[in-house]
Amino acid sequence: MSQETLRQAFPDKATPLVSYGTPFTEACAKHVQEKFKASRVYLIAGRSLTKNTTFTSELQKALGSSLAKTRVGMTPHTLMSEVLEIVEDCRTVNADCIVTLGGGSLSDAAKIITFALANNIKTQSELVKLPHVGPHTTTLPANAPTIPIICIPTTLSGGEYSTYAGVTDHLTGEKIQFCPPIASPDLIILSGELACSTPLDIWLQSGMRAVDHCIETLASLKSTAEVDASVTKSLKCLIPGLLNAKLNAGGKGEGKDEEVRARQECQVGVMWAMLFLHRMVACGASHGIGHMLGPMFHVGHGETSCILLPAVCRFNAVRGGKEILARQGLMKDALWSVSEARERFEREGLGREVGVERLLDVVIRELGLKRRLSEVGVVERRDLERLAEASLRDPFLVTNAVPITTKEQVLEILEMCA
């Protein structure tokens, strides 16, 4: 019989707890009853997951009489209108626990829903007065959430580990990022078997986003030995996990077991990656430019990382000093230490002297993911100019290892990956 591992995600924070090792249905039902003593669970489940698998119905069965209502599906990017619908739903059924089964949009929604419930929010105008990030915001004092959240993720976005949550105004498309006293989930349940239901390309892209978190943390001159160790541990889970997930995708028997193990290894890697958030280590230009590349040209977050991260690393190496090159040495050591990656590097005839951007290129191409802006339709010079100008508005440009303050610097990066 499998045994549950239950641990804190972060050493000095009581929540979130992370559970893995037992079927997610059993773990969820157990903690709903024993830890949270909940009897009015509101379940938010992904639409495609519910349509294409039996996982939602299995969880509903496991929760039994403690399940008050199920909401199937939410629009990507977490729309305010849908969040407010669920807030009212939760009031109607007197929900005392929220469970999400699906991707990052659902976990963000759950965080905002419990925040809204704690502050008796009923309208959009009230919702936007809750504390959120922004230079020109007027917010009111707010109560911290009291209803527990259990997240059962199906991607590697890692948003469930954060004390922030984004929502989109369905009329204007404007995004708002809520901040504490909004709370992270109380429990995150990891399941490699469930993760195998996520299409491989989406899984690999979201995994490269997690790799981007690690690499840009190691690039930062503001990181600490503790955070460096955590994200290095993450890379040693993520890189082999992603490579083996692709190698064993769609397998039967032992191959299927290997895919389940690989996907769960990736999930554990994301947990190690996210310490940078709680230690306030800022990301760099791969994230910053990616924040604009994504919505402007309809490119997924993971795809932006595949395209931009190697170029940003190259820019930092060329434009930075000895300290930045020493930080890149940490990245190279971590990548070479992974046997699955080392085999690919040696097959390509690479030596230890090559730059980290070349090592990342090998990994990304091995995963079959896009590497150039031209592959996602960004080919015109005017598009590069527009993207460069927009990117300068993102705060992660100035927190890059080599601070980026001019359009010409952004264009230098974009031209490397055109």
Protein backbone atom coordinates (compact mmCIF):
# COMPACT_ATOMS: atom_id res chain seq x y z
CA MET A 1 0.00 0.00 0.00
CA SER A 2 1.33 3.44 -0.94
CA GLN A 3 2.12 5.86 1.87
CA GLU A 4 1.38 9.56 1.92
CA THR A 5 4.18 12.10 2.19
CA LEU A 6 2.88 15.26 3.86
CA ARG A 7 5.29 18.16 4.25
CA GLN A 8 5.51 21.94 4.35
CA ALA A 9 6.24 23.50 0.98
CA PHE A 10 8.52 26.05 2.66
CA PRO A 11 10.52 25.51 5.85
CA ASP A 12 9.28 28.55 7.77
CA LYS A 13 5.65 28.62 6.60
CA ALA A 14 2.86 26.45 7.97
CA THR A 15 1.03 26.54 4.65
CA PRO A 16 0.76 25.33 2.04
CA LEU A 17 1.22 21.71 2.98
CA VAL A 18 2.07 19.36 0.11
CA SER A 19 0.76 15.80 -0.13
CA TYR A 20 1.89 13.08 -2.53
CA GLY A 21 2.30 9.33 -2.61
CA THR A 22 -1.35 8.26 -2.32
CA PRO A 23 -4.23 8.55 -4.82
CA PHE A 24 -5.35 12.17 -4.93
CA THR A 25 -8.98 11.19 -4.35
CA GLU A 26 -8.11 9.43 -1.09
CA ALA A 27 -5.84 12.24 0.09
CA CYS A 28 -8.43 14.91 -0.64
CA ALA A 29 -11.29 13.09 1.07
CA LYS A 30 -9.10 12.33 4.09
CA HIS A 31 -7.96 15.92 4.63
CA VAL A 32 -11.41 17.38 3.98
CA GLN A 33 -12.75 15.22 6.79
CA GLU A 34 -9.84 14.99 9.24
CA LYS A 35 -7.86 18.22 8.84
CA PHE A 36 -10.44 20.76 7.72
CA LYS A 37 -13.54 19.03 9.13
CA ALA A 38 -15.48 20.38 6.16
CA SER A 39 -18.95 19.23 5.19
CA ARG A 40 -19.87 21.76 2.45
CA VAL A 41 -17.13 21.41 -0.19
CA TYR A 42 -17.28 23.49 -3.36
CA LEU A 43 -15.37 21.76 -6.18
CA ILE A 44 -14.06 23.66 -9.22
CA ALA A 45 -12.95 21.22 -11.93
CA GLY A 46 -11.35 21.80 -15.32
CA ARG A 47 -13.67 21.47 -18.29
CA SER A 48 -11.49 19.32 -20.55
CA LEU A 49 -10.38 17.16 -17.62
CA THR A 50 -14.02 16.51 -16.74
CA LYS A 51 -15.02 15.87 -20.35
CA ASN A 52 -12.14 13.60 -21.31
CA THR A 53 -11.38 11.65 -18.11
CA THR A 54 -13.13 10.13 -15.12
CA PHE A 55 -11.00 12.00 -12.56
CA THR A 56 -13.68 14.56 -11.66
CA SER A 57 -16.33 11.92 -11.09
CA GLU A 58 -13.87 9.85 -9.05
CA LEU A 59 -13.18 12.84 -6.79
CA GLN A 60 -16.89 13.59 -6.48
CA LYS A 61 -17.48 10.00 -5.40
CA ALA A 62 -14.63 10.14 -2.87
CA LEU A 63 -16.00 13.36 -1.33
CA GLY A 64 -19.47 11.85 -1.08
CA SER A 65 -21.96 13.70 1.08
CA SER A 66 -19.41 16.39 1.96
CA LEU A 67 -19.61 17.73 -1.61
CA ALA A 68 -22.03 20.66 -1.79
CA LYS A 69 -21.62 21.67 -5.45
CA THR A 70 -19.36 21.26 -8.49
CA ARG A 71 -18.48 23.97 -10.99
CA VAL A 72 -17.07 22.58 -14.24
CA GLY A 73 -14.87 24.90 -16.26
CA MET A 74 -13.66 28.47 -16.13
CA THR A 75 -12.43 30.72 -18.91
CA PRO A 76 -8.61 31.00 -19.05
CA HIS A 77 -7.05 34.00 -17.31
CA THR A 78 -9.65 33.95 -14.50
CA LEU A 79 -12.43 36.38 -15.41
CA MET A 80 -13.89 38.64 -12.69
CA SER A 81 -17.43 37.88 -13.83
CA GLU A 82 -16.96 34.14 -13.30
CA VAL A 83 -15.19 34.64 -9.97
CA LEU A 84 -18.15 36.68 -8.71
CA GLU A 85 -20.57 33.99 -9.94
CA ILE A 86 -18.75 31.39 -7.85
CA VAL A 87 -18.56 33.73 -4.84
CA GLU A 88 -22.36 33.94 -4.90
CA ASP A 89 -22.60 30.18 -5.43
CA CYS A 90 -20.41 29.56 -2.39
CA ARG A 91 -22.61 31.82 -0.28
CA THR A 92 -25.72 30.00 -1.45
CA VAL A 93 -24.39 26.55 -0.50
CA ASN A 94 -22.56 27.86 2.60
CA ALA A 95 -19.26 26.42 1.37
CA ASP A 96 -16.68 25.66 4.07
CA CYS A 97 -13.87 24.40 1.80
CA ILE A 98 -12.92 24.98 -1.84
CA VAL A 99 -11.20 22.27 -3.89
CA THR A 100 -9.72 22.89 -7.34
CA LEU A 101 -8.93 20.13 -9.82
CA GLY A 102 -7.11 21.56 -12.82
CA GLY A 103 -4.77 24.31 -13.95
CA GLY A 104 -3.49 27.60 -12.62
CA SER A 105 -6.56 29.65 -13.53
CA LEU A 106 -8.60 27.58 -11.09
CA SER A 107 -6.16 27.96 -8.20
CA ASP A 108 -6.02 31.73 -8.76
CA ALA A 109 -9.82 31.81 -8.80
CA ALA A 110 -10.05 29.91 -5.51
CA LYS A 111 -7.68 32.33 -3.78
CA ILE A 112 -9.70 35.32 -4.97
CA ILE A 113 -13.02 33.67 -4.08
CA THR A 114 -12.04 33.04 -0.46
CA PHE A 115 -10.64 36.58 -0.27
CA ALA A 116 -13.94 37.98 -1.56
CA LEU A 117 -16.00 35.85 0.82
CA ALA A 118 -13.94 37.00 3.80
CA ASN A 119 -14.73 40.61 2.88
CA ASN A 120 -18.40 40.20 1.87
CA ILE A 121 -17.68 41.21 -1.72
CA LYS A 122 -20.66 41.15 -4.07
CA THR A 123 -19.80 43.36 -7.03
CA GLN A 124 -16.87 44.05 -9.33
CA SER A 125 -16.49 47.59 -7.99
CA GLU A 126 -16.11 46.15 -4.49
CA LEU A 127 -13.73 43.42 -5.64
CA VAL A 128 -11.23 45.84 -7.20
CA LYS A 129 -10.96 47.71 -3.89
CA LEU A 130 -9.31 44.69 -2.25
CA PRO A 131 -5.51 45.01 -1.92
CA HIS A 132 -3.75 44.50 -5.23
CA VAL A 133 -0.48 45.35 -6.94
CA GLY A 134 -0.20 48.59 -8.87
CA PRO A 135 1.28 52.08 -8.78
CA HIS A 136 -2.05 53.93 -8.72
CA THR A 137 -4.42 51.83 -6.66
CA THR A 138 -6.88 52.78 -3.96
CA THR A 139 -7.63 49.87 -1.69
CA LEU A 140 -9.41 49.34 1.59
CA PRO A 141 -8.28 47.37 4.66
CA ALA A 142 -9.18 43.74 4.15
CA ASN A 143 -9.78 40.59 6.17
CA ALA A 144 -7.68 37.51 5.50
CA PRO A 145 -9.52 34.48 4.06
CA THR A 146 -10.85 31.88 6.49
CA ILE A 147 -12.19 29.15 4.17
CA PRO A 148 -9.50 26.52 3.41
CA ILE A 149 -8.40 25.75 -0.14
CA ILE A 150 -7.16 22.43 -1.49
CA CYS A 151 -5.49 22.59 -4.92
CA ILE A 152 -4.91 19.51 -7.05
CA PRO A 153 -2.89 20.88 -10.00
CA THR A 154 -2.60 19.44 -13.49
CA THR A 155 0.17 21.73 -14.83
CA LEU A 156 3.56 22.98 -13.65
CA SER A 157 2.71 26.69 -13.48
CA GLY A 158 3.30 26.74 -9.70
CA GLY A 159 0.74 29.47 -9.04
CA GLU A 160 -0.79 27.41 -6.26
CA TYR A 161 2.30 28.11 -4.12
CA SER A 162 1.88 31.88 -4.35
CA THR A 163 0.18 34.38 -2.05
CA TYR A 164 -0.81 36.39 -5.12
CA ALA A 165 -3.61 35.78 -7.62
CA GLY A 166 -4.47 37.37 -10.95
CA VAL A 167 -7.91 38.16 -12.34
CA THR A 168 -9.00 39.68 -15.65
CA ASP A 169 -11.66 42.34 -16.19
CA HIS A 170 -13.94 40.61 -18.71
CA LEU A 171 -14.89 43.96 -20.30
CA THR A 172 -11.52 45.68 -20.68
CA GLY A 173 -9.07 42.76 -20.62
CA GLU A 174 -7.12 44.51 -17.86
CA LYS A 175 -5.43 42.21 -15.36
CA ILE A 176 -5.30 42.83 -11.62
CA GLN A 177 -2.92 41.02 -9.27
CA PHE A 178 -4.33 40.64 -5.75
CA CYS A 179 -1.81 40.54 -2.91
CA PRO A 180 -1.81 39.71 0.83
CA PRO A 181 -3.81 39.40 2.97
CA ILE A 182 -5.01 37.09 0.17
CA ALA A 183 -3.70 33.65 1.11
CA SER A 184 -2.08 30.70 -0.62
CA PRO A 185 -3.92 27.36 -0.57
CA ASP A 186 -3.77 25.34 2.63
CA LEU A 187 -3.03 22.02 0.91
CA ILE A 188 -1.60 21.06 -2.49
CA ILE A 189 -2.05 17.46 -3.59
CA LEU A 190 0.32 16.13 -6.26
CA SER A 191 -0.53 13.18 -8.48
CA GLY A 192 1.60 11.87 -11.31
CA GLU A 193 -1.29 9.75 -12.56
CA LEU A 194 -3.58 12.77 -12.75
CA ALA A 195 -0.80 14.82 -14.37
CA CYS A 196 -0.62 12.31 -17.22
CA SER A 197 -4.05 13.53 -18.34
CA THR A 198 -2.50 16.88 -19.31
CA PRO A 199 -1.49 16.94 -23.01
CA LEU A 200 2.25 16.48 -23.37
CA ASP A 201 2.94 19.79 -25.12
CA ILE A 202 1.13 21.78 -22.42
CA TRP A 203 2.97 19.82 -19.73
CA LEU A 204 6.39 20.42 -21.26
CA GLN A 205 5.72 24.12 -21.87
CA SER A 206 4.61 24.68 -18.29
CA GLY A 207 7.65 22.73 -17.14
CA MET A 208 9.95 25.06 -19.04
CA ARG A 209 8.26 27.97 -17.29
CA ALA A 210 9.31 26.38 -14.01
CA VAL A 211 12.85 25.95 -15.38
CA ASP A 212 12.76 29.67 -16.23
CA HIS A 213 11.93 30.45 -12.58
CA CYS A 214 15.01 28.48 -11.51
CA ILE A 215 17.43 29.90 -14.07
CA GLU A 216 16.41 33.52 -13.51
CA THR A 217 16.67 33.01 -9.76
CA LEU A 218 20.21 31.68 -10.16
CA ALA A 219 20.94 34.66 -12.42
CA SER A 220 19.87 37.14 -9.76
CA LEU A 221 22.57 38.87 -7.74
CA LYS A 222 19.95 39.24 -4.98
CA SER A 223 19.46 35.51 -4.46
CA THR A 224 20.76 33.73 -1.34
CA ALA A 225 22.52 30.44 -0.71
CA GLU A 226 19.26 28.99 0.62
CA VAL A 227 17.29 29.93 -2.50
CA ASP A 228 20.14 28.86 -4.81
CA ALA A 229 20.13 25.41 -3.20
CA SER A 230 16.36 25.09 -3.53
CA VAL A 231 16.15 26.04 -7.21
CA THR A 232 19.18 23.86 -8.00
CA LYS A 233 17.35 20.95 -6.39
CA SER A 234 14.35 21.91 -8.52
CA LEU A 235 16.36 21.78 -11.75
CA LYS A 236 17.62 18.32 -10.79
CA CYS A 237 13.98 17.20 -10.67
CA LEU A 238 12.55 19.22 -13.56
CA ILE A 239 15.13 18.51 -16.27
CA PRO A 240 15.13 14.69 -15.96
CA GLY A 241 11.40 14.69 -15.24
CA LEU A 242 10.58 16.60 -18.43
CA LEU A 243 12.96 14.57 -20.60
CA ASN A 244 11.63 11.27 -19.24
CA ALA A 245 8.00 12.41 -19.50
CA LYS A 246 8.53 13.01 -23.21
CA LEU A 247 10.49 9.79 -23.68
CA ASN A 248 7.77 7.67 -22.04
CA ALA A 249 4.70 9.61 -23.23
CA GLY A 250 1.76 7.41 -24.10
CA GLY A 251 3.51 4.25 -22.97
CA LYS A 252 1.86 1.12 -21.66
CA GLY A 253 2.79 -1.02 -18.68
CA GLU A 254 6.27 -0.12 -17.46
CA GLY A 255 6.39 2.82 -19.85
CA LYS A 256 3.23 4.24 -18.32
CA ASP A 257 4.64 3.77 -14.82
CA GLU A 258 7.77 5.66 -15.90
CA GLU A 259 5.69 8.52 -17.26
CA VAL A 260 3.73 8.76 -14.00
CA ARG A 261 6.99 8.85 -12.01
CA ALA A 262 8.50 11.44 -14.35
CA ARG A 263 5.51 13.74 -14.12
CA GLN A 264 5.42 13.51 -10.34
CA GLU A 265 9.15 14.27 -10.24
CA CYS A 266 8.37 17.46 -12.18
CA GLN A 267 5.64 18.36 -9.69
CA VAL A 268 8.01 17.99 -6.74
CA GLY A 269 10.53 20.07 -8.66
CA VAL A 270 8.03 22.93 -8.91
CA MET A 271 7.66 22.90 -5.13
CA TRP A 272 11.43 23.40 -4.75
CA ALA A 273 11.41 26.10 -7.42
CA MET A 274 8.89 28.37 -5.76
CA LEU A 275 10.94 29.35 -2.71
CA PHE A 276 12.19 32.34 -4.72
CA LEU A 277 8.73 33.91 -4.43
CA HIS A 278 8.70 33.73 -0.65
CA ARG A 279 12.22 35.12 -0.38
CA MET A 280 11.31 38.00 -2.71
CA VAL A 281 13.94 37.23 -5.35
CA ALA A 282 12.83 39.09 -8.47
CA CYS A 283 12.85 37.49 -11.91
CA GLY A 284 14.59 38.91 -14.96
CA ALA A 285 14.05 39.78 -18.60
CA SER A 286 12.85 36.37 -19.77
CA HIS A 287 9.83 36.79 -17.51
CA GLY A 288 9.53 40.52 -18.20
CA ILE A 289 9.60 40.36 -22.00
CA GLY A 290 7.52 37.18 -21.86
CA HIS A 291 4.78 39.02 -19.97
CA MET A 292 4.34 41.17 -23.08
CA LEU A 293 5.12 38.59 -25.78
CA GLY A 294 2.39 36.31 -24.42
CA PRO A 295 -0.72 38.51 -24.58
CA MET A 296 0.44 40.68 -27.51
CA PHE A 297 1.06 37.74 -29.85
CA HIS A 298 -0.99 34.96 -28.22
CA VAL A 299 2.02 32.95 -27.11
CA GLY A 300 1.81 30.67 -24.06
CA HIS A 301 3.89 31.49 -20.98
CA GLY A 302 5.91 28.30 -21.34
CA GLU A 303 6.59 29.00 -25.00
CA THR A 304 7.85 32.49 -24.16
CA SER A 305 10.37 30.92 -21.78
CA CYS A 306 11.62 28.51 -24.45
CA ILE A 307 12.18 31.37 -26.88
CA LEU A 308 13.53 34.07 -24.58
CA LEU A 309 15.43 32.37 -21.74
CA PRO A 310 18.52 31.25 -23.73
CA ALA A 311 18.78 34.68 -25.36
CA VAL A 312 18.53 36.48 -22.02
CA CYS A 313 21.25 34.22 -20.60
CA ARG A 314 23.46 35.04 -23.59
CA PHE A 315 22.79 38.78 -23.18
CA ASN A 316 23.70 38.60 -19.50
CA ALA A 317 26.91 36.71 -20.24
CA VAL A 318 28.01 39.21 -22.90
CA ARG A 319 26.98 42.37 -21.06
CA GLY A 320 27.65 41.32 -17.48
CA GLY A 321 30.76 41.09 -15.34
CA LYS A 322 32.58 38.33 -13.50
CA GLU A 323 29.92 38.03 -10.82
CA ILE A 324 27.23 37.32 -13.40
CA LEU A 325 29.43 34.75 -15.14
CA ALA A 326 29.99 33.08 -11.77
CA ARG A 327 26.20 32.89 -11.29
CA GLN A 328 25.91 31.29 -14.72
CA GLY A 329 28.47 28.75 -13.59
CA LEU A 330 25.93 27.59 -10.98
CA MET A 331 23.39 27.03 -13.75
CA LYS A 332 25.86 25.07 -15.86
CA ASP A 333 26.90 22.90 -12.91
CA ALA A 334 23.25 22.06 -12.21
CA LEU A 335 22.51 21.17 -15.84
CA TRP A 336 25.67 19.06 -16.30
CA SER A 337 24.89 17.18 -13.07
CA VAL A 338 21.71 15.70 -14.59
CA SER A 339 22.71 12.46 -16.31
CA GLU A 340 19.82 12.62 -18.80
CA ALA A 341 20.89 16.12 -19.87
CA ARG A 342 24.62 15.32 -19.84
CA GLU A 343 24.05 12.46 -22.31
CA ARG A 344 22.39 14.89 -24.71
CA PHE A 345 25.14 17.49 -24.30
CA GLU A 346 27.85 14.93 -25.00
CA ARG A 347 25.94 13.59 -28.00
CA GLU A 348 26.01 17.16 -29.38
CA GLY A 349 29.77 17.29 -28.81
CA LEU A 350 29.51 20.02 -26.19
CA GLY A 351 32.13 20.65 -23.53
CA ARG A 352 31.98 22.33 -20.16
CA GLU A 353 33.16 25.60 -21.66
CA VAL A 354 29.96 26.25 -23.65
CA GLY A 355 27.52 28.87 -22.42
CA VAL A 356 24.39 28.09 -20.47
CA GLU A 357 22.29 29.34 -23.40
CA ARG A 358 23.60 26.47 -25.56
CA LEU A 359 22.80 23.89 -22.88
CA LEU A 360 19.26 25.23 -22.54
CA ASP A 361 18.88 25.17 -26.32
CA VAL A 362 19.73 21.45 -26.38
CA VAL A 363 17.19 20.66 -23.65
CA ILE A 364 14.41 22.72 -25.25
CA ARG A 365 14.97 21.20 -28.69
CA GLU A 366 15.07 17.71 -27.17
CA LEU A 367 11.62 18.43 -25.74
CA GLY A 368 10.41 19.41 -29.21
CA LEU A 369 9.43 22.94 -28.19
CA LYS A 370 9.63 26.15 -30.21
CA ARG A 371 12.82 28.18 -30.01
CA ARG A 372 12.40 31.18 -32.32
CA LEU A 373 10.06 34.17 -32.48
CA SER A 374 9.47 33.33 -36.14
CA GLU A 375 7.97 30.00 -35.06
CA VAL A 376 5.18 31.84 -33.20
CA GLY A 377 4.50 34.35 -35.97
CA VAL A 378 6.59 37.28 -34.74
CA VAL A 379 8.54 38.07 -37.91
CA GLU A 380 8.06 41.74 -38.82
CA ARG A 381 10.51 44.38 -37.65
CA ARG A 382 7.64 46.57 -36.48
CA ASP A 383 6.47 43.72 -34.23
CA LEU A 384 9.90 43.51 -32.60
CA GLU A 385 9.93 47.29 -32.10
CA ARG A 386 6.46 47.25 -30.56
CA LEU A 387 7.33 44.33 -28.29
CA ALA A 388 10.55 46.02 -27.16
CA GLU A 389 8.73 49.23 -26.28
CA ALA A 390 6.01 47.40 -24.35
CA SER A 391 8.53 45.24 -22.48
CA LEU A 392 10.16 48.27 -20.89
CA ARG A 393 6.98 48.77 -18.84
CA ASP A 394 7.51 45.46 -17.03
CA PRO A 395 9.30 45.73 -13.66
CA PHE A 396 11.37 42.59 -14.29
CA LEU A 397 13.43 44.38 -16.95
CA VAL A 398 15.24 46.49 -14.35
CA THR A 399 15.63 43.52 -11.97
CA ASN A 400 17.38 41.51 -14.69
CA ALA A 401 20.93 40.44 -13.80
CA VAL A 402 22.06 43.16 -16.22
CA PRO A 403 19.40 45.86 -15.72
CA ILE A 404 17.58 46.67 -18.96
CA THR A 405 16.42 50.25 -19.40
CA THR A 406 16.49 50.91 -23.14
CA LYS A 407 14.62 49.71 -26.19
CA GLU A 408 17.94 48.90 -27.86
CA GLN A 409 18.82 46.41 -25.10
CA VAL A 410 15.50 44.61 -25.52
CA LEU A 411 15.95 44.51 -29.29
CA GLU A 412 19.40 42.97 -28.82
CA ILE A 413 17.74 40.07 -26.98
CA LEU A 414 14.87 39.77 -29.46
CA GLU A 415 17.24 39.69 -32.43
CA MET A 416 19.10 36.75 -30.85
CA CYS A 417 15.92 34.67 -30.96
CA ALA A 418 14.22 36.06 -34.06
